[in-house]
Every structure is written in structure tokens, then in C-alpha cells.
PDB file of N, CA and C in Angstrom:
ATOM      1  N   MET A   1     -14.908  -1.266 -13.503  1.00  0.00           N
ATOM      2  CA  MET A   1     -13.128  -1.375 -13.120  1.00  0.00           C
ATOM      3  C   MET A   1     -12.992  -2.784 -12.201  1.00  0.00           C
ATOM      4  N   SER A   2     -12.089  -3.243 -12.373  1.00  0.00           N
ATOM      5  CA  SER A   2     -11.949  -4.229 -11.756  1.00  0.00           C
ATOM      6  C   SER A   2     -11.570  -4.157 -10.364  1.00  0.00           C
ATOM      7  N   SER A   3     -12.026  -5.076  -9.049  1.00  0.00           N
ATOM      8  CA  SER A   3     -11.742  -5.103  -7.614  1.00  0.00           C
ATOM      9  C   SER A   3     -11.326  -5.896  -6.819  1.00  0.00           C
ATOM     10  N   LEU A   4     -11.309  -6.550  -6.180  1.00  0.00           N
ATOM     11  CA  LEU A   4     -11.339  -7.508  -5.508  1.00  0.00           C
ATOM     12  C   LEU A   4     -12.309  -8.240  -5.730  1.00  0.00           C
ATOM     13  N   GLU A   5     -12.856  -7.761  -5.036  1.00  0.00           N
ATOM     14  CA  GLU A   5     -14.858  -8.250  -5.317  1.00  0.00           C
ATOM     15  C   GLU A   5     -15.178  -8.978  -6.233  1.00  0.00           C
ATOM     16  N   ASP A   6     -14.739  -7.963  -7.749  1.00  0.00           N
ATOM     17  CA  ASP A   6     -14.522  -8.705  -8.591  1.00  0.00           C
ATOM     18  C   ASP A   6     -13.870 -10.276  -9.038  1.00  0.00           C
ATOM     19  N   MET A   7     -12.972 -10.128  -8.214  1.00  0.00           N
ATOM     20  CA  MET A   7     -12.140 -11.625  -8.051  1.00  0.00           C
ATOM     21  C   MET A   7     -12.256 -12.488  -7.265  1.00  0.00           C
ATOM     22  N   GLY A   8     -13.641 -12.113  -6.774  1.00  0.00           N
ATOM     23  CA  GLY A   8     -13.809 -13.070  -5.330  1.00  0.00           C
ATOM     24  C   GLY A   8     -13.059 -13.440  -4.483  1.00  0.00           C
ATOM     25  N   LEU A   9     -12.317 -11.900  -3.945  1.00  0.00           N
ATOM     26  CA  LEU A   9     -10.646 -11.853  -3.062  1.00  0.00           C
ATOM     27  C   LEU A   9     -12.009 -10.956  -2.196  1.00  0.00           C
ATOM     28  N   PRO A  10     -12.660 -11.145  -0.853  1.00  0.00           N
ATOM     29  CA  PRO A  10     -12.737 -10.059   0.072  1.00  0.00           C
ATOM     30  C   PRO A  10     -11.655  -9.831   0.766  1.00  0.00           C
ATOM     31  N   GLN A  11     -12.334  -8.257   0.647  1.00  0.00           N
ATOM     32  CA  GLN A  11     -10.991  -7.851   1.416  1.00  0.00           C
ATOM     33  C   GLN A  11      -9.932  -8.146   3.038  1.00  0.00           C
ATOM     34  N   ALA A  12     -10.999  -8.448   3.525  1.00  0.00           N
ATOM     35  CA  ALA A  12     -10.954  -9.471   4.961  1.00  0.00           C
ATOM     36  C   ALA A  12     -10.223 -10.314   4.492  1.00  0.00           C
ATOM     37  N   ASN A  13      -9.904 -10.897   3.874  1.00  0.00           N
ATOM     38  CA  ASN A  13      -9.437 -12.399   3.575  1.00  0.00           C
ATOM     39  C   ASN A  13      -7.995 -12.506   3.010  1.00  0.00           C
ATOM     40  N   ILE A  14      -7.502 -11.319   2.816  1.00  0.00           N
ATOM     41  CA  ILE A  14      -6.272 -10.945   2.202  1.00  0.00           C
ATOM     42  C   ILE A  14      -4.941 -11.176   2.774  1.00  0.00           C
ATOM     43  N   HIS A  15      -5.128 -10.916   3.930  1.00  0.00           N
ATOM     44  CA  HIS A  15      -4.037 -11.280   4.901  1.00  0.00           C
ATOM     45  C   HIS A  15      -4.391 -12.144   6.238  1.00  0.00           C
ATOM     46  N   THR A  16      -5.284 -12.756   6.185  1.00  0.00           N
ATOM     47  CA  THR A  16      -5.874 -13.859   6.767  1.00  0.00           C
ATOM     48  C   THR A  16      -5.278 -15.752   6.117  1.00  0.00           C
ATOM     49  N   LEU A  17      -4.108 -16.545   6.550  1.00  0.00           N
ATOM     50  CA  LEU A  17      -3.624 -17.574   6.414  1.00  0.00           C
ATOM     51  C   LEU A  17      -3.681 -18.614   7.266  1.00  0.00           C
ATOM     52  N   PRO A  18      -3.546 -20.020   6.961  1.00  0.00           N
ATOM     53  CA  PRO A  18      -3.462 -20.917   8.023  1.00  0.00           C
ATOM     54  C   PRO A  18      -1.983 -20.307   8.820  1.00  0.00           C
ATOM     55  N   VAL A  19      -1.844 -20.576   9.695  1.00  0.00           N
ATOM     56  CA  VAL A  19      -0.116 -20.847  10.425  1.00  0.00           C
ATOM     57  C   VAL A  19       0.761 -21.174   9.428  1.00  0.00           C
ATOM     58  N   ASP A  20       0.504 -22.385   9.237  1.00  0.00           N
ATOM     59  CA  ASP A  20       1.291 -23.194   8.651  1.00  0.00           C
ATOM     60  C   ASP A  20       1.454 -22.584   6.887  1.00  0.00           C
ATOM     61  N   ALA A  21       0.816 -21.829   6.334  1.00  0.00           N
ATOM     62  CA  ALA A  21       1.120 -21.745   4.635  1.00  0.00           C
ATOM     63  C   ALA A  21       1.688 -21.222   4.362  1.00  0.00           C
ATOM     64  N   PRO A  22       2.451 -21.084   3.624  1.00  0.00           N
ATOM     65  CA  PRO A  22       3.572 -20.046   3.066  1.00  0.00           C
ATOM     66  C   PRO A  22       3.178 -19.143   2.797  1.00  0.00           C
ATOM     67  N   LYS A  23       3.558 -18.034   3.179  1.00  0.00           N
ATOM     68  CA  LYS A  23       3.329 -16.508   2.808  1.00  0.00           C
ATOM     69  C   LYS A  23       4.057 -16.116   1.461  1.00  0.00           C
ATOM     70  N   TRP A  24       3.070 -15.185   0.164  1.00  0.00           N
ATOM     71  CA  TRP A  24       3.672 -14.883  -0.283  1.00  0.00           C
ATOM     72  C   TRP A  24       3.312 -13.227  -0.319  1.00  0.00           C
ATOM     73  N   VAL A  25       4.119 -12.303  -0.962  1.00  0.00           N
ATOM     74  CA  VAL A  25       4.105 -11.091  -1.067  1.00  0.00           C
ATOM     75  C   VAL A  25       4.088 -10.109  -1.832  1.00  0.00           C
ATOM     76  N   LEU A  26       2.925  -9.220  -2.385  1.00  0.00           N
ATOM     77  CA  LEU A  26       2.604  -8.567  -3.349  1.00  0.00           C
ATOM     78  C   LEU A  26       3.767  -7.496  -3.284  1.00  0.00           C
ATOM     79  N   VAL A  27       4.239  -7.581  -4.413  1.00  0.00           N
ATOM     80  CA  VAL A  27       5.459  -6.244  -4.486  1.00  0.00           C
ATOM     81  C   VAL A  27       5.153  -4.792  -5.592  1.00  0.00           C
ATOM     82  N   LEU A  28       5.499  -4.004  -5.311  1.00  0.00           N
ATOM     83  CA  LEU A  28       4.565  -3.043  -6.403  1.00  0.00           C
ATOM     84  C   LEU A  28       6.030  -2.395  -6.225  1.00  0.00           C
ATOM     85  N   HIS A  29       6.014  -1.629  -7.770  1.00  0.00           N
ATOM     86  CA  HIS A  29       7.630  -1.530  -8.152  1.00  0.00           C
ATOM     87  C   HIS A  29       7.529  -0.453  -8.781  1.00  0.00           C
ATOM     88  N   ASP A  30       8.614   1.327  -8.424  1.00  0.00           N
ATOM     89  CA  ASP A  30       8.449   2.028  -9.428  1.00  0.00           C
ATOM     90  C   ASP A  30       8.760   1.985 -10.964  1.00  0.00           C
ATOM     91  N   ASP A  31       8.217   2.967 -11.479  1.00  0.00           N
ATOM     92  CA  ASP A  31       8.388   2.850 -13.078  1.00  0.00           C
ATOM     93  C   ASP A  31       8.220   4.337 -13.232  1.00  0.00           C
ATOM     94  N   PRO A  32       9.179   4.672 -14.937  1.00  0.00           N
ATOM     95  CA  PRO A  32       8.547   6.062 -15.025  1.00  0.00           C
ATOM     96  C   PRO A  32       7.838   6.392 -15.750  1.00  0.00           C
ATOM     97  N   VAL A  33       6.435   6.013 -15.685  1.00  0.00           N
ATOM     98  CA  VAL A  33       5.543   5.982 -16.508  1.00  0.00           C
ATOM     99  C   VAL A  33       4.299   6.591 -15.736  1.00  0.00           C
ATOM    100  N   ASN A  34       3.807   5.869 -14.883  1.00  0.00           N
ATOM    101  CA  ASN A  34       2.794   6.292 -14.060  1.00  0.00           C
ATOM    102  C   ASN A  34       2.823   7.571 -12.680  1.00  0.00           C
ATOM    103  N   LEU A  35       2.232   8.338 -12.950  1.00  0.00           N
ATOM    104  CA  LEU A  35       2.012   9.624 -11.806  1.00  0.00           C
ATOM    105  C   LEU A  35       1.605   8.528 -10.273  1.00  0.00           C
ATOM    106  N   VAL A  36       2.266   9.814  -9.344  1.00  0.00           N
ATOM    107  CA  VAL A  36       1.940   9.237  -8.389  1.00  0.00           C
ATOM    108  C   VAL A  36       0.192   9.521  -7.750  1.00  0.00           C
ATOM    109  N   ASN A  37      -0.190  10.314  -8.528  1.00  0.00           N
ATOM    110  CA  ASN A  37      -1.912  10.102  -8.255  1.00  0.00           C
ATOM    111  C   ASN A  37      -2.616   8.957  -8.851  1.00  0.00           C
ATOM    112  N   TYR A  38      -1.980   8.382 -10.331  1.00  0.00           N
ATOM    113  CA  TYR A  38      -2.376   7.361 -10.980  1.00  0.00           C
ATOM    114  C   TYR A  38      -2.198   6.321  -9.645  1.00  0.00           C
ATOM    115  N   VAL A  39      -1.034   6.090  -9.590  1.00  0.00           N
ATOM    116  CA  VAL A  39      -0.533   4.710  -8.478  1.00  0.00           C
ATOM    117  C   VAL A  39      -1.234   4.878  -7.012  1.00  0.00           C
ATOM    118  N   ARG A  40      -1.789   6.032  -6.574  1.00  0.00           N
ATOM    119  CA  ARG A  40      -2.840   6.162  -5.346  1.00  0.00           C
ATOM    120  C   ARG A  40      -3.909   5.662  -5.547  1.00  0.00           C
ATOM    121  N   TRP A  41      -4.368   6.672  -7.108  1.00  0.00           N
ATOM    122  CA  TRP A  41      -5.724   5.910  -7.208  1.00  0.00           C
ATOM    123  C   TRP A  41      -6.320   4.589  -7.745  1.00  0.00           C
ATOM    124  N   VAL A  42      -5.390   4.234  -8.156  1.00  0.00           N
ATOM    125  CA  VAL A  42      -5.212   2.444  -8.534  1.00  0.00           C
ATOM    126  C   VAL A  42      -5.398   1.463  -7.091  1.00  0.00           C
ATOM    127  N   LEU A  43      -4.263   2.532  -6.204  1.00  0.00           N
ATOM    128  CA  LEU A  43      -4.904   1.097  -4.826  1.00  0.00           C
ATOM    129  C   LEU A  43      -5.810   1.577  -3.682  1.00  0.00           C
ATOM    130  N   GLU A  44      -6.837   2.442  -4.110  1.00  0.00           N
ATOM    131  CA  GLU A  44      -7.357   3.012  -3.642  1.00  0.00           C
ATOM    132  C   GLU A  44      -8.413   2.199  -4.184  1.00  0.00           C
ATOM    133  N   THR A  45      -8.904   2.238  -5.711  1.00  0.00           N
ATOM    134  CA  THR A  45     -10.044   1.869  -6.274  1.00  0.00           C
ATOM    135  C   THR A  45      -9.605   0.218  -5.869  1.00  0.00           C
ATOM    136  N   CYS A  46      -8.785   0.066  -6.662  1.00  0.00           N
ATOM    137  CA  CYS A  46      -8.880  -1.488  -7.035  1.00  0.00           C
ATOM    138  C   CYS A  46      -8.533  -2.515  -5.775  1.00  0.00           C
ATOM    139  N   LEU A  47      -7.837  -1.773  -4.829  1.00  0.00           N
ATOM    140  CA  LEU A  47      -7.458  -2.751  -3.858  1.00  0.00           C
ATOM    141  C   LEU A  47      -7.812  -2.511  -2.656  1.00  0.00           C
ATOM    142  N   GLY A  48      -9.084  -1.577  -2.674  1.00  0.00           N
ATOM    143  CA  GLY A  48      -9.826  -1.112  -0.843  1.00  0.00           C
ATOM    144  C   GLY A  48      -8.615  -0.614   0.075  1.00  0.00           C
ATOM    145  N   PHE A  49      -7.701   0.366  -0.590  1.00  0.00           N
ATOM    146  CA  PHE A  49      -6.934   0.850   0.424  1.00  0.00           C
ATOM    147  C   PHE A  49      -7.508   2.222   1.223  1.00  0.00           C
ATOM    148  N   GLU A  50      -7.067   2.704   2.305  1.00  0.00           N
ATOM    149  CA  GLU A  50      -7.955   3.637   2.995  1.00  0.00           C
ATOM    150  C   GLU A  50      -6.624   5.208   2.001  1.00  0.00           C
ATOM    151  N   ILE A  51      -7.693   6.393   1.651  1.00  0.00           N
ATOM    152  CA  ILE A  51      -6.508   6.870   2.063  1.00  0.00           C
ATOM    153  C   ILE A  51      -4.724   7.314   2.112  1.00  0.00           C
ATOM    154  N   ASN A  52      -5.360   7.747   2.802  1.00  0.00           N
ATOM    155  CA  ASN A  52      -3.571   7.212   3.753  1.00  0.00           C
ATOM    156  C   ASN A  52      -2.731   6.624   3.461  1.00  0.00           C
ATOM    157  N   GLN A  53      -3.480   4.995   3.890  1.00  0.00           N
ATOM    158  CA  GLN A  53      -2.620   3.905   3.451  1.00  0.00           C
ATOM    159  C   GLN A  53      -2.129   4.061   1.832  1.00  0.00           C
ATOM    160  N   ALA A  54      -3.213   4.192   1.126  1.00  0.00           N
ATOM    161  CA  ALA A  54      -2.412   4.616  -0.134  1.00  0.00           C
ATOM    162  C   ALA A  54      -1.912   5.563  -0.685  1.00  0.00           C
ATOM    163  N   TYR A  55      -1.949   7.175  -0.224  1.00  0.00           N
ATOM    164  CA  TYR A  55      -0.807   7.727  -0.011  1.00  0.00           C
ATOM    165  C   TYR A  55       0.592   7.303   0.500  1.00  0.00           C
ATOM    166  N   GLN A  56       0.554   6.722   1.466  1.00  0.00           N
ATOM    167  CA  GLN A  56       2.174   6.065   2.305  1.00  0.00           C
ATOM    168  C   GLN A  56       3.065   5.151   1.530  1.00  0.00           C
ATOM    169  N   LYS A  57       1.825   4.312   0.555  1.00  0.00           N
ATOM    170  CA  LYS A  57       2.644   2.648  -0.158  1.00  0.00           C
ATOM    171  C   LYS A  57       3.002   3.432  -1.144  1.00  0.00           C
ATOM    172  N   THR A  58       2.443   4.521  -2.187  1.00  0.00           N
ATOM    173  CA  THR A  58       2.677   5.353  -3.421  1.00  0.00           C
ATOM    174  C   THR A  58       4.050   6.218  -2.976  1.00  0.00           C
ATOM    175  N   MET A  59       3.743   6.367  -1.992  1.00  0.00           N
ATOM    176  CA  MET A  59       5.421   7.382  -1.171  1.00  0.00           C
ATOM    177  C   MET A  59       6.420   6.475  -0.942  1.00  0.00           C
ATOM    178  N   GLU A  60       6.315   5.375  -0.598  1.00  0.00           N
ATOM    179  CA  GLU A  60       7.063   4.160  -0.336  1.00  0.00           C
ATOM    180  C   GLU A  60       7.866   3.710  -1.804  1.00  0.00           C
ATOM    181  N   VAL A  61       6.747   3.721  -2.587  1.00  0.00           N
ATOM    182  CA  VAL A  61       7.526   3.093  -4.046  1.00  0.00           C
ATOM    183  C   VAL A  61       8.410   4.224  -4.681  1.00  0.00           C
ATOM    184  N   HIS A  62       7.771   5.838  -4.445  1.00  0.00           N
ATOM    185  CA  HIS A  62       8.682   6.642  -4.799  1.00  0.00           C
ATOM    186  C   HIS A  62       9.586   6.880  -4.372  1.00  0.00           C
ATOM    187  N   LYS A  63       9.879   6.832  -3.420  1.00  0.00           N
ATOM    188  CA  LYS A  63      11.134   7.097  -2.634  1.00  0.00           C
ATOM    189  C   LYS A  63      11.967   5.347  -2.605  1.00  0.00           C
ATOM    190  N   HIS A  64      11.648   4.754  -2.576  1.00  0.00           N
ATOM    191  CA  HIS A  64      12.470   3.402  -2.307  1.00  0.00           C
ATOM    192  C   HIS A  64      12.413   2.852  -3.239  1.00  0.00           C
ATOM    193  N   GLY A  65      11.906   2.820  -4.170  1.00  0.00           N
ATOM    194  CA  GLY A  65      11.389   2.261  -5.644  1.00  0.00           C
ATOM    195  C   GLY A  65      10.580   0.992  -5.518  1.00  0.00           C
ATOM    196  N   ARG A  66      10.084   0.877  -4.203  1.00  0.00           N
ATOM    197  CA  ARG A  66       9.161  -0.781  -3.993  1.00  0.00           C
ATOM    198  C   ARG A  66       8.815  -0.948  -2.652  1.00  0.00           C
ATOM    199  N   ALA A  67       7.673  -1.481  -3.262  1.00  0.00           N
ATOM    200  CA  ALA A  67       6.436  -1.674  -1.505  1.00  0.00           C
ATOM    201  C   ALA A  67       5.913  -2.627  -1.194  1.00  0.00           C
ATOM    202  N   VAL A  68       5.802  -3.251  -0.537  1.00  0.00           N
ATOM    203  CA  VAL A  68       5.255  -4.547  -0.097  1.00  0.00           C
ATOM    204  C   VAL A  68       3.541  -4.222   0.390  1.00  0.00           C
ATOM    205  N   LEU A  69       2.611  -4.426  -0.971  1.00  0.00           N
ATOM    206  CA  LEU A  69       1.008  -4.499  -0.247  1.00  0.00           C
ATOM    207  C   LEU A  69       0.105  -5.276  -0.237  1.00  0.00           C
ATOM    208  N   ALA A  70       0.557  -6.321   0.058  1.00  0.00           N
ATOM    209  CA  ALA A  70      -0.259  -7.461   1.032  1.00  0.00           C
ATOM    210  C   ALA A  70       0.702  -8.628   0.951  1.00  0.00           C
ATOM    211  N   ALA A  71      -0.264  -9.075   1.522  1.00  0.00           N
ATOM    212  CA  ALA A  71       1.000 -11.326   1.496  1.00  0.00           C
ATOM    213  C   ALA A  71      -0.339 -12.206   2.177  1.00  0.00           C
ATOM    214  N   GLY A  72       0.152 -13.427   1.425  1.00  0.00           N
ATOM    215  CA  GLY A  72      -1.093 -13.693   1.617  1.00  0.00           C
ATOM    216  C   GLY A  72      -0.641 -15.479   0.935  1.00  0.00           C
ATOM    217  N   ARG A  73      -1.926 -16.062   0.546  1.00  0.00           N
ATOM    218  CA  ARG A  73      -1.351 -17.436  -1.045  1.00  0.00           C
ATOM    219  C   ARG A  73      -0.984 -17.096  -1.716  1.00  0.00           C
ATOM    220  N   ARG A  74      -0.595 -17.615  -2.804  1.00  0.00           N
ATOM    221  CA  ARG A  74       0.575 -16.983  -4.083  1.00  0.00           C
ATOM    222  C   ARG A  74      -0.631 -16.790  -4.768  1.00  0.00           C
ATOM    223  N   GLU A  75      -1.795 -18.042  -5.123  1.00  0.00           N
ATOM    224  CA  GLU A  75      -2.632 -17.577  -5.955  1.00  0.00           C
ATOM    225  C   GLU A  75      -3.294 -16.846  -5.748  1.00  0.00           C
ATOM    226  N   GLN A  76      -4.008 -16.045  -4.706  1.00  0.00           N
ATOM    227  CA  GLN A  76      -4.250 -14.677  -4.098  1.00  0.00           C
ATOM    228  C   GLN A  76      -3.443 -13.539  -4.480  1.00  0.00           C
ATOM    229  N   MET A  77      -2.169 -13.770  -4.139  1.00  0.00           N
ATOM    230  CA  MET A  77      -1.398 -12.473  -4.275  1.00  0.00           C
ATOM    231  C   MET A  77      -0.750 -12.319  -6.257  1.00  0.00           C
ATOM    232  N   GLU A  78      -0.798 -13.783  -6.819  1.00  0.00           N
ATOM    233  CA  GLU A  78      -0.426 -13.694  -8.509  1.00  0.00           C
ATOM    234  C   GLU A  78      -1.890 -12.906  -8.915  1.00  0.00           C
ATOM    235  N   GLN A  79      -2.996 -12.926  -8.366  1.00  0.00           N
ATOM    236  CA  GLN A  79      -4.723 -12.603  -9.141  1.00  0.00           C
ATOM    237  C   GLN A  79      -4.311 -10.646  -8.628  1.00  0.00           C
ATOM    238  N   LEU A  80      -3.748 -10.563  -7.298  1.00  0.00           N
ATOM    239  CA  LEU A  80      -3.680  -9.099  -7.100  1.00  0.00           C
ATOM    240  C   LEU A  80      -2.506  -8.487  -8.595  1.00  0.00           C
ATOM    241  N   ALA A  81      -1.659  -9.307  -8.419  1.00  0.00           N
ATOM    242  CA  ALA A  81      -0.872  -8.879  -9.593  1.00  0.00           C
ATOM    243  C   ALA A  81      -0.875  -8.136 -10.837  1.00  0.00           C
ATOM    244  N   GLN A  82      -2.150  -9.289 -11.153  1.00  0.00           N
ATOM    245  CA  GLN A  82      -2.843  -9.538 -12.190  1.00  0.00           C
ATOM    246  C   GLN A  82      -3.382  -8.167 -12.253  1.00  0.00           C
ATOM    247  N   LEU A  83      -4.655  -8.040 -11.645  1.00  0.00           N
ATOM    248  CA  LEU A  83      -5.044  -7.397 -11.379  1.00  0.00           C
ATOM    249  C   LEU A  83      -4.114  -5.067 -11.616  1.00  0.00           C
ATOM    250  N   LEU A  84      -3.182  -5.336 -10.566  1.00  0.00           N
ATOM    251  CA  LEU A  84      -2.463  -4.156 -11.257  1.00  0.00           C
ATOM    252  C   LEU A  84      -1.925  -3.980 -12.398  1.00  0.00           C
ATOM    253  N   HIS A  85      -1.257  -5.106 -12.911  1.00  0.00           N
ATOM    254  CA  HIS A  85      -0.670  -5.318 -14.634  1.00  0.00           C
ATOM    255  C   HIS A  85      -1.472  -4.301 -15.086  1.00  0.00           C
ATOM    256  N   THR A  86      -3.358  -5.347 -15.531  1.00  0.00           N
ATOM    257  CA  THR A  86      -4.374  -4.661 -16.055  1.00  0.00           C
ATOM    258  C   THR A  86      -4.465  -3.020 -15.753  1.00  0.00           C
ATOM    259  N   HIS A  87      -3.891  -2.255 -14.912  1.00  0.00           N
ATOM    260  CA  HIS A  87      -3.272  -0.996 -14.991  1.00  0.00           C
ATOM    261  C   HIS A  87      -2.490  -0.581 -14.938  1.00  0.00           C
ATOM    262  N   GLY A  88      -1.732  -1.054 -15.555  1.00  0.00           N
ATOM    263  CA  GLY A  88      -0.441  -0.654 -15.984  1.00  0.00           C
ATOM    264  C   GLY A  88       0.395  -0.552 -14.850  1.00  0.00           C
ATOM    265  N   LEU A  89       0.530  -1.121 -13.851  1.00  0.00           N
ATOM    266  CA  LEU A  89       1.431  -0.791 -12.908  1.00  0.00           C
ATOM    267  C   LEU A  89       2.493  -1.939 -12.677  1.00  0.00           C
ATOM    268  N   TRP A  90       3.789  -1.805 -12.533  1.00  0.00           N
ATOM    269  CA  TRP A  90       4.804  -2.675 -12.197  1.00  0.00           C
ATOM    270  C   TRP A  90       4.877  -3.363 -11.089  1.00  0.00           C
ATOM    271  N   ALA A  91       4.264  -4.975 -10.730  1.00  0.00           N
ATOM    272  CA  ALA A  91       4.132  -5.607  -9.500  1.00  0.00           C
ATOM    273  C   ALA A  91       4.338  -7.140  -9.620  1.00  0.00           C
ATOM    274  N   THR A  92       5.101  -7.429  -8.835  1.00  0.00           N
ATOM    275  CA  THR A  92       5.689  -8.574  -8.730  1.00  0.00           C
ATOM    276  C   THR A  92       5.450  -9.602  -7.408  1.00  0.00           C
ATOM    277  N   ILE A  93       5.338 -10.865  -7.283  1.00  0.00           N
ATOM    278  CA  ILE A  93       5.270 -11.630  -6.013  1.00  0.00           C
ATOM    279  C   ILE A  93       6.685 -12.028  -5.664  1.00  0.00           C
ATOM    280  N   GLU A  94       6.371 -12.475  -4.138  1.00  0.00           N
ATOM    281  CA  GLU A  94       7.799 -13.159  -4.098  1.00  0.00           C
ATOM    282  C   GLU A  94       7.303 -13.818  -2.524  1.00  0.00           C
ATOM    283  N   PRO A  95       8.156 -15.045  -2.669  1.00  0.00           N
ATOM    284  CA  PRO A  95       8.173 -15.840  -1.022  1.00  0.00           C
ATOM    285  C   PRO A  95       8.187 -14.645   0.105  1.00  0.00           C
ATOM    286  N   GLU A  96       7.837 -14.969   0.543  1.00  0.00           N
ATOM    287  CA  GLU A  96       7.864 -13.688   2.130  1.00  0.00           C
ATOM    288  C   GLU A  96       8.908 -13.453   2.582  1.00  0.00           C
ATOM    289  N   GLN A  97      10.099 -14.336   2.473  1.00  0.00           N
ATOM    290  CA  GLN A  97      11.201 -14.300   3.292  1.00  0.00           C
ATOM    291  C   GLN A  97      11.683 -12.889   2.467  1.00  0.00           C
ATOM    292  N   CYS A  98      11.877 -13.115   1.240  1.00  0.00           N
ATOM    293  CA  CYS A  98      12.598 -12.028   0.326  1.00  0.00           C
ATOM    294  C   CYS A  98      12.092 -10.750   0.275  1.00  0.00           C
ATOM    295  N   SER A  99      11.208 -10.050   0.938  1.00  0.00           N
ATOM    296  CA  SER A  99      10.529  -8.664   0.563  1.00  0.00           C
ATOM    297  C   SER A  99      11.324  -8.341   1.566  1.00  0.00           C
TER     298      SER A  99
END
């Protein structure tokens, strides 16, 4: 199973950026295929979310159609989006001001 560590992205550094670096956000979108429990499991297993945080983000996606999962450098957000894609989830990245 892929995880942040497998990708060389320590969890503690996802939200750590130099002050002047442009931030990008990872957005998870609702889809008609994946069940809530599966999405929560992916967030816990692959992104290292705590159970409550994974549940809250999953319900935000379910109710509002999208949720911002992380912010960081573009390359990091692209890698995380790709990780979610490998698990069948619909994720995009956006400049922070668009989220």
C-alpha cells in the first residue's frame, strides 16, 4: 500500500513551507462510485489522517462536494493527488486562493 513515507514525503512536512513560497492545495472531490467508508479508509491509510479527521473530511466531501485535504508545494500536492488517483479517488490541486 502506498503511503506518504513510500513517496518520500514525511507527514510532518506536508504543511511546512517557506513564508514566500506559493501554496497549492489538494482538493478531494465527491464522486458517485466510492463509498464513504472507503474514502475514510484511504485518508487514514495513505495520508495518515487520524480517524476523526478522516471522518470529518470525508463527510465534508459527501455534503459539500469537495474538501481541502492539505496545502504545500505544488510538487508535493501533485504527488498526493496521484496517490489518491491510484486508489480511485478524484483529487485535484489548485492555487491556495482558489480553494
